[in-house]
Amino acid sequence: MTKIEIIMALTAGMSIAWAAIVTIYALQAIKKHKAKAAYYQQPKVQCEIARHVLKNKWYTDGGEVFK
């Protein structure tokens, strides 16, 4: 193998490794955010948030807590 072929192989290997790392990180971040969104969509949690908002007198001008 020539130097160019070695450099090209190393560059390709590094690119594939970088793409794999970024993909794994992104999938983990998506999974984490989906879990957080699912938590806030539970009716019990929404009721607790609404009670907190009413207790602290937020949105006294008629705004919406959940949109």
PDB file of N, CA and C in Angstrom:
ATOM      1  N   MET A   1       0.835  -1.181   0.000  1.00  0.00           N
ATOM      2  CA  MET A   1       0.000   0.000   0.000  1.00  0.00           C
ATOM      3  C   MET A   1       0.881   1.246   0.000  1.00  0.00           C
ATOM      4  N   THR A   2       0.408   2.220  -0.709  1.00  0.00           N
ATOM      5  CA  THR A   2       1.149   3.464  -0.750  1.00  0.00           C
ATOM      6  C   THR A   2       0.708   4.363   0.399  1.00  0.00           C
ATOM      7  N   LYS A   3       1.429   5.457   0.546  1.00  0.00           N
ATOM      8  CA  LYS A   3       1.088   6.391   1.620  1.00  0.00           C
ATOM      9  C   LYS A   3      -0.314   6.963   1.445  1.00  0.00           C
ATOM     10  N   ILE A   4      -0.673   7.272   0.201  1.00  0.00           N
ATOM     11  CA  ILE A   4      -1.997   7.840  -0.074  1.00  0.00           C
ATOM     12  C   ILE A   4      -3.084   6.844   0.319  1.00  0.00           C
ATOM     13  N   GLU A   5      -2.901   5.571  -0.010  1.00  0.00           N
ATOM     14  CA  GLU A   5      -3.902   4.556   0.324  1.00  0.00           C
ATOM     15  C   GLU A   5      -4.032   4.392   1.837  1.00  0.00           C
ATOM     16  N   ILE A   6      -2.931   4.462   2.544  1.00  0.00           N
ATOM     17  CA  ILE A   6      -2.958   4.352   4.004  1.00  0.00           C
ATOM     18  C   ILE A   6      -3.682   5.552   4.610  1.00  0.00           C
ATOM     19  N   ILE A   7      -3.353   6.748   4.107  1.00  0.00           N
ATOM     20  CA  ILE A   7      -4.007   7.963   4.604  1.00  0.00           C
ATOM     21  C   ILE A   7      -5.505   7.906   4.317  1.00  0.00           C
ATOM     22  N   MET A   8      -5.882   7.472   3.131  1.00  0.00           N
ATOM     23  CA  MET A   8      -7.293   7.377   2.770  1.00  0.00           C
ATOM     24  C   MET A   8      -8.008   6.346   3.653  1.00  0.00           C
ATOM     25  N   ALA A   9      -7.367   5.218   3.926  1.00  0.00           N
ATOM     26  CA  ALA A   9      -7.971   4.192   4.770  1.00  0.00           C
ATOM     27  C   ALA A   9      -8.138   4.704   6.200  1.00  0.00           C
ATOM     28  N   LEU A  10      -7.135   5.396   6.731  1.00  0.00           N
ATOM     29  CA  LEU A  10      -7.228   5.951   8.079  1.00  0.00           C
ATOM     30  C   LEU A  10      -8.308   7.028   8.154  1.00  0.00           C
ATOM     31  N   THR A  11      -8.383   7.861   7.134  1.00  0.00           N
ATOM     32  CA  THR A  11      -9.405   8.904   7.104  1.00  0.00           C
ATOM     33  C   THR A  11     -10.804   8.289   7.051  1.00  0.00           C
ATOM     34  N   ALA A  12     -10.967   7.277   6.237  1.00  0.00           N
ATOM     35  CA  ALA A  12     -12.267   6.597   6.144  1.00  0.00           C
ATOM     36  C   ALA A  12     -12.624   5.946   7.477  1.00  0.00           C
ATOM     37  N   GLY A  13     -11.657   5.307   8.097  1.00  0.00           N
ATOM     38  CA  GLY A  13     -11.890   4.672   9.392  1.00  0.00           C
ATOM     39  C   GLY A  13     -12.271   5.677  10.462  1.00  0.00           C
ATOM     40  N   MET A  14     -11.569   6.801  10.490  1.00  0.00           N
ATOM     41  CA  MET A  14     -11.883   7.843  11.464  1.00  0.00           C
ATOM     42  C   MET A  14     -13.268   8.446  11.198  1.00  0.00           C
ATOM     43  N   SER A  15     -13.615   8.621   9.939  1.00  0.00           N
ATOM     44  CA  SER A  15     -14.926   9.169   9.584  1.00  0.00           C
ATOM     45  C   SER A  15     -16.048   8.222  10.007  1.00  0.00           C
ATOM     46  N   ILE A  16     -15.848   6.947   9.776  1.00  0.00           N
ATOM     47  CA  ILE A  16     -16.859   5.962  10.170  1.00  0.00           C
ATOM     48  C   ILE A  16     -16.998   5.922  11.687  1.00  0.00           C
ATOM     49  N   ALA A  17     -15.870   5.946  12.397  1.00  0.00           N
ATOM     50  CA  ALA A  17     -15.915   5.935  13.865  1.00  0.00           C
ATOM     51  C   ALA A  17     -16.615   7.193  14.388  1.00  0.00           C
ATOM     52  N   TRP A  18     -16.300   8.345  13.817  1.00  0.00           N
ATOM     53  CA  TRP A  18     -16.933   9.605  14.234  1.00  0.00           C
ATOM     54  C   TRP A  18     -18.432   9.557  13.988  1.00  0.00           C
ATOM     55  N   ALA A  19     -18.838   9.064  12.819  1.00  0.00           N
ATOM     56  CA  ALA A  19     -20.263   8.973  12.490  1.00  0.00           C
ATOM     57  C   ALA A  19     -20.981   8.029  13.458  1.00  0.00           C
ATOM     58  N   ALA A  20     -20.346   6.929  13.802  1.00  0.00           N
ATOM     59  CA  ALA A  20     -20.954   5.990  14.739  1.00  0.00           C
ATOM     60  C   ALA A  20     -21.111   6.618  16.121  1.00  0.00           C
ATOM     61  N   ILE A  21     -20.109   7.322  16.583  1.00  0.00           N
ATOM     62  CA  ILE A  21     -20.172   7.968  17.901  1.00  0.00           C
ATOM     63  C   ILE A  21     -21.269   9.024  17.930  1.00  0.00           C
ATOM     64  N   VAL A  22     -21.346   9.846  16.908  1.00  0.00           N
ATOM     65  CA  VAL A  22     -22.373  10.888  16.844  1.00  0.00           C
ATOM     66  C   VAL A  22     -23.765  10.264  16.787  1.00  0.00           C
ATOM     67  N   THR A  23     -23.924   9.195  16.025  1.00  0.00           N
ATOM     68  CA  THR A  23     -25.219   8.524  15.913  1.00  0.00           C
ATOM     69  C   THR A  23     -25.644   7.934  17.254  1.00  0.00           C
ATOM     70  N   ILE A  24     -24.730   7.283  17.944  1.00  0.00           N
ATOM     71  CA  ILE A  24     -25.051   6.706  19.252  1.00  0.00           C
ATOM     72  C   ILE A  24     -25.428   7.801  20.241  1.00  0.00           C
ATOM     73  N   TYR A  25     -24.690   8.889  20.256  1.00  0.00           N
ATOM     74  CA  TYR A  25     -25.002  10.005  21.148  1.00  0.00           C
ATOM     75  C   TYR A  25     -26.381  10.586  20.844  1.00  0.00           C
ATOM     76  N   ALA A  26     -26.678  10.763  19.560  1.00  0.00           N
ATOM     77  CA  ALA A  26     -27.967  11.326  19.163  1.00  0.00           C
ATOM     78  C   ALA A  26     -29.116  10.402  19.557  1.00  0.00           C
ATOM     79  N   LEU A  27     -28.957   9.107  19.369  1.00  0.00           N
ATOM     80  CA  LEU A  27     -30.006   8.163  19.743  1.00  0.00           C
ATOM     81  C   LEU A  27     -30.257   8.181  21.251  1.00  0.00           C
ATOM     82  N   GLN A  28     -29.197   8.277  22.032  1.00  0.00           N
ATOM     83  CA  GLN A  28     -29.355   8.356  23.490  1.00  0.00           C
ATOM     84  C   GLN A  28     -30.048   9.648  23.894  1.00  0.00           C
ATOM     85  N   ALA A  29     -29.700  10.758  23.260  1.00  0.00           N
ATOM     86  CA  ALA A  29     -30.332  12.039  23.569  1.00  0.00           C
ATOM     87  C   ALA A  29     -31.820  12.010  23.208  1.00  0.00           C
ATOM     88  N   ILE A  30     -32.160  11.427  22.075  1.00  0.00           N
ATOM     89  CA  ILE A  30     -33.555  11.320  21.660  1.00  0.00           C
ATOM     90  C   ILE A  30     -34.338  10.467  22.649  1.00  0.00           C
ATOM     91  N   LYS A  31     -33.752   9.355  23.063  1.00  0.00           N
ATOM     92  CA  LYS A  31     -34.412   8.477  24.028  1.00  0.00           C
ATOM     93  C   LYS A  31     -34.659   9.208  25.350  1.00  0.00           C
ATOM     94  N   LYS A  32     -33.678   9.974  25.797  1.00  0.00           N
ATOM     95  CA  LYS A  32     -33.803  10.724  27.049  1.00  0.00           C
ATOM     96  C   LYS A  32     -34.916  11.770  26.948  1.00  0.00           C
ATOM     97  N   HIS A  33     -34.968  12.503  25.846  1.00  0.00           N
ATOM     98  CA  HIS A  33     -35.962  13.556  25.686  1.00  0.00           C
ATOM     99  C   HIS A  33     -37.368  12.993  25.491  1.00  0.00           C
ATOM    100  N   LYS A  34     -37.470  11.827  24.834  1.00  0.00           N
ATOM    101  CA  LYS A  34     -38.785  11.190  24.690  1.00  0.00           C
ATOM    102  C   LYS A  34     -39.309  10.755  26.053  1.00  0.00           C
ATOM    103  N   ALA A  35     -38.423  10.245  26.905  1.00  0.00           N
ATOM    104  CA  ALA A  35     -38.836   9.835  28.252  1.00  0.00           C
ATOM    105  C   ALA A  35     -39.302  11.043  29.055  1.00  0.00           C
ATOM    106  N   LYS A  36     -38.589  12.161  28.925  1.00  0.00           N
ATOM    107  CA  LYS A  36     -38.973  13.380  29.644  1.00  0.00           C
ATOM    108  C   LYS A  36     -40.330  13.895  29.140  1.00  0.00           C
ATOM    109  N   ALA A  37     -40.541  13.880  27.840  1.00  0.00           N
ATOM    110  CA  ALA A  37     -41.817  14.332  27.276  1.00  0.00           C
ATOM    111  C   ALA A  37     -42.954  13.417  27.723  1.00  0.00           C
ATOM    112  N   ALA A  38     -42.705  12.116  27.756  1.00  0.00           N
ATOM    113  CA  ALA A  38     -43.737  11.166  28.198  1.00  0.00           C
ATOM    114  C   ALA A  38     -44.097  11.405  29.663  1.00  0.00           C
ATOM    115  N   TYR A  39     -43.113  11.752  30.465  1.00  0.00           N
ATOM    116  CA  TYR A  39     -43.374  12.038  31.881  1.00  0.00           C
ATOM    117  C   TYR A  39     -44.320  13.229  32.018  1.00  0.00           C
ATOM    118  N   TYR A  40     -44.056  14.291  31.289  1.00  0.00           N
ATOM    119  CA  TYR A  40     -44.876  15.491  31.395  1.00  0.00           C
ATOM    120  C   TYR A  40     -46.249  15.333  30.754  1.00  0.00           C
ATOM    121  N   GLN A  41     -46.449  14.309  29.931  1.00  0.00           N
ATOM    122  CA  GLN A  41     -47.747  14.075  29.310  1.00  0.00           C
ATOM    123  C   GLN A  41     -48.680  13.266  30.202  1.00  0.00           C
ATOM    124  N   GLN A  42     -48.185  12.763  31.313  1.00  0.00           N
ATOM    125  CA  GLN A  42     -49.039  11.993  32.222  1.00  0.00           C
ATOM    126  C   GLN A  42     -50.057  12.927  32.870  1.00  0.00           C
ATOM    127  N   PRO A  43     -51.332  12.504  32.930  1.00  0.00           N
ATOM    128  CA  PRO A  43     -52.372  13.370  33.508  1.00  0.00           C
ATOM    129  C   PRO A  43     -52.082  13.773  34.962  1.00  0.00           C
ATOM    130  N   LYS A  44     -51.531  12.864  35.740  1.00  0.00           N
ATOM    131  CA  LYS A  44     -51.248  13.175  37.141  1.00  0.00           C
ATOM    132  C   LYS A  44     -50.207  14.295  37.255  1.00  0.00           C
ATOM    133  N   VAL A  45     -49.189  14.231  36.434  1.00  0.00           N
ATOM    134  CA  VAL A  45     -48.140  15.250  36.450  1.00  0.00           C
ATOM    135  C   VAL A  45     -48.698  16.589  35.975  1.00  0.00           C
ATOM    136  N   GLN A  46     -49.545  16.576  34.956  1.00  0.00           N
ATOM    137  CA  GLN A  46     -50.134  17.818  34.469  1.00  0.00           C
ATOM    138  C   GLN A  46     -51.013  18.460  35.534  1.00  0.00           C
ATOM    139  N   CYS A  47     -51.719  17.632  36.288  1.00  0.00           N
ATOM    140  CA  CYS A  47     -52.546  18.178  37.377  1.00  0.00           C
ATOM    141  C   CYS A  47     -51.675  18.811  38.459  1.00  0.00           C
ATOM    142  N   GLU A  48     -50.558  18.168  38.772  1.00  0.00           N
ATOM    143  CA  GLU A  48     -49.648  18.734  39.774  1.00  0.00           C
ATOM    144  C   GLU A  48     -49.082  20.073  39.304  1.00  0.00           C
ATOM    145  N   ILE A  49     -48.725  20.157  38.035  1.00  0.00           N
ATOM    146  CA  ILE A  49     -48.196  21.404  37.487  1.00  0.00           C
ATOM    147  C   ILE A  49     -49.278  22.486  37.530  1.00  0.00           C
ATOM    148  N   ALA A  50     -50.512  22.124  37.151  1.00  0.00           N
ATOM    149  CA  ALA A  50     -51.614  23.100  37.159  1.00  0.00           C
ATOM    150  C   ALA A  50     -51.884  23.593  38.579  1.00  0.00           C
ATOM    151  N   ARG A  51     -51.833  22.678  39.562  1.00  0.00           N
ATOM    152  CA  ARG A  51     -52.040  23.092  40.952  1.00  0.00           C
ATOM    153  C   ARG A  51     -50.953  24.056  41.390  1.00  0.00           C
ATOM    154  N   HIS A  52     -49.721  23.775  41.003  1.00  0.00           N
ATOM    155  CA  HIS A  52     -48.600  24.646  41.350  1.00  0.00           C
ATOM    156  C   HIS A  52     -48.784  26.032  40.733  1.00  0.00           C
ATOM    157  N   VAL A  53     -49.226  26.062  39.488  1.00  0.00           N
ATOM    158  CA  VAL A  53     -49.434  27.336  38.792  1.00  0.00           C
ATOM    159  C   VAL A  53     -50.530  28.139  39.482  1.00  0.00           C
ATOM    160  N   LEU A  54     -51.629  27.464  39.830  1.00  0.00           N
ATOM    161  CA  LEU A  54     -52.727  28.163  40.496  1.00  0.00           C
ATOM    162  C   LEU A  54     -52.322  28.631  41.890  1.00  0.00           C
ATOM    163  N   LYS A  55     -51.558  27.808  42.589  1.00  0.00           N
ATOM    164  CA  LYS A  55     -51.123  28.158  43.937  1.00  0.00           C
ATOM    165  C   LYS A  55     -50.249  29.408  43.925  1.00  0.00           C
ATOM    166  N   ASN A  56     -49.391  29.512  42.928  1.00  0.00           N
ATOM    167  CA  ASN A  56     -48.470  30.634  42.840  1.00  0.00           C
ATOM    168  C   ASN A  56     -49.025  31.808  42.036  1.00  0.00           C
ATOM    169  N   LYS A  57     -50.286  31.695  41.633  1.00  0.00           N
ATOM    170  CA  LYS A  57     -51.004  32.760  40.915  1.00  0.00           C
ATOM    171  C   LYS A  57     -50.300  33.215  39.637  1.00  0.00           C
ATOM    172  N   TRP A  58     -49.784  32.232  38.884  1.00  0.00           N
ATOM    173  CA  TRP A  58     -49.226  32.531  37.570  1.00  0.00           C
ATOM    174  C   TRP A  58     -50.384  32.617  36.595  1.00  0.00           C
ATOM    175  N   TYR A  59     -50.196  33.254  35.509  1.00  0.00           N
ATOM    176  CA  TYR A  59     -51.180  33.361  34.435  1.00  0.00           C
ATOM    177  C   TYR A  59     -52.512  33.911  34.958  1.00  0.00           C
ATOM    178  N   THR A  60     -52.460  34.941  35.751  1.00  0.00           N
ATOM    179  CA  THR A  60     -53.693  35.549  36.257  1.00  0.00           C
ATOM    180  C   THR A  60     -54.435  36.318  35.160  1.00  0.00           C
ATOM    181  N   ASP A  61     -53.778  36.536  34.028  1.00  0.00           N
ATOM    182  CA  ASP A  61     -54.423  37.247  32.933  1.00  0.00           C
ATOM    183  C   ASP A  61     -55.140  36.300  31.972  1.00  0.00           C
ATOM    184  N   GLY A  62     -55.297  35.024  32.342  1.00  0.00           N
ATOM    185  CA  GLY A  62     -56.031  34.077  31.526  1.00  0.00           C
ATOM    186  C   GLY A  62     -55.179  33.291  30.546  1.00  0.00           C
ATOM    187  N   GLY A  63     -53.859  33.308  30.709  1.00  0.00           N
ATOM    188  CA  GLY A  63     -52.986  32.550  29.814  1.00  0.00           C
ATOM    189  C   GLY A  63     -53.129  31.062  30.020  1.00  0.00           C
ATOM    190  N   GLU A  64     -52.576  30.283  29.103  1.00  0.00           N
ATOM    191  CA  GLU A  64     -52.668  28.832  29.176  1.00  0.00           C
ATOM    192  C   GLU A  64     -51.393  28.274  29.792  1.00  0.00           C
ATOM    193  N   VAL A  65     -51.562  27.244  30.637  1.00  0.00           N
ATOM    194  CA  VAL A  65     -50.409  26.560  31.205  1.00  0.00           C
ATOM    195  C   VAL A  65     -49.882  25.546  30.199  1.00  0.00           C
ATOM    196  N   PHE A  66     -50.798  24.779  29.608  1.00  0.00           N
ATOM    197  CA  PHE A  66     -50.419  23.769  28.615  1.00  0.00           C
ATOM    198  C   PHE A  66     -50.925  24.226  27.258  1.00  0.00           C
ATOM    199  N   LYS A  67     -50.046  24.175  26.279  1.00  0.00           N
ATOM    200  CA  LYS A  67     -50.451  24.576  24.930  1.00  0.00           C
ATOM    201  C   LYS A  67     -50.332  23.395  24.005  1.00  0.00           C
TER     202      LYS A  67
END
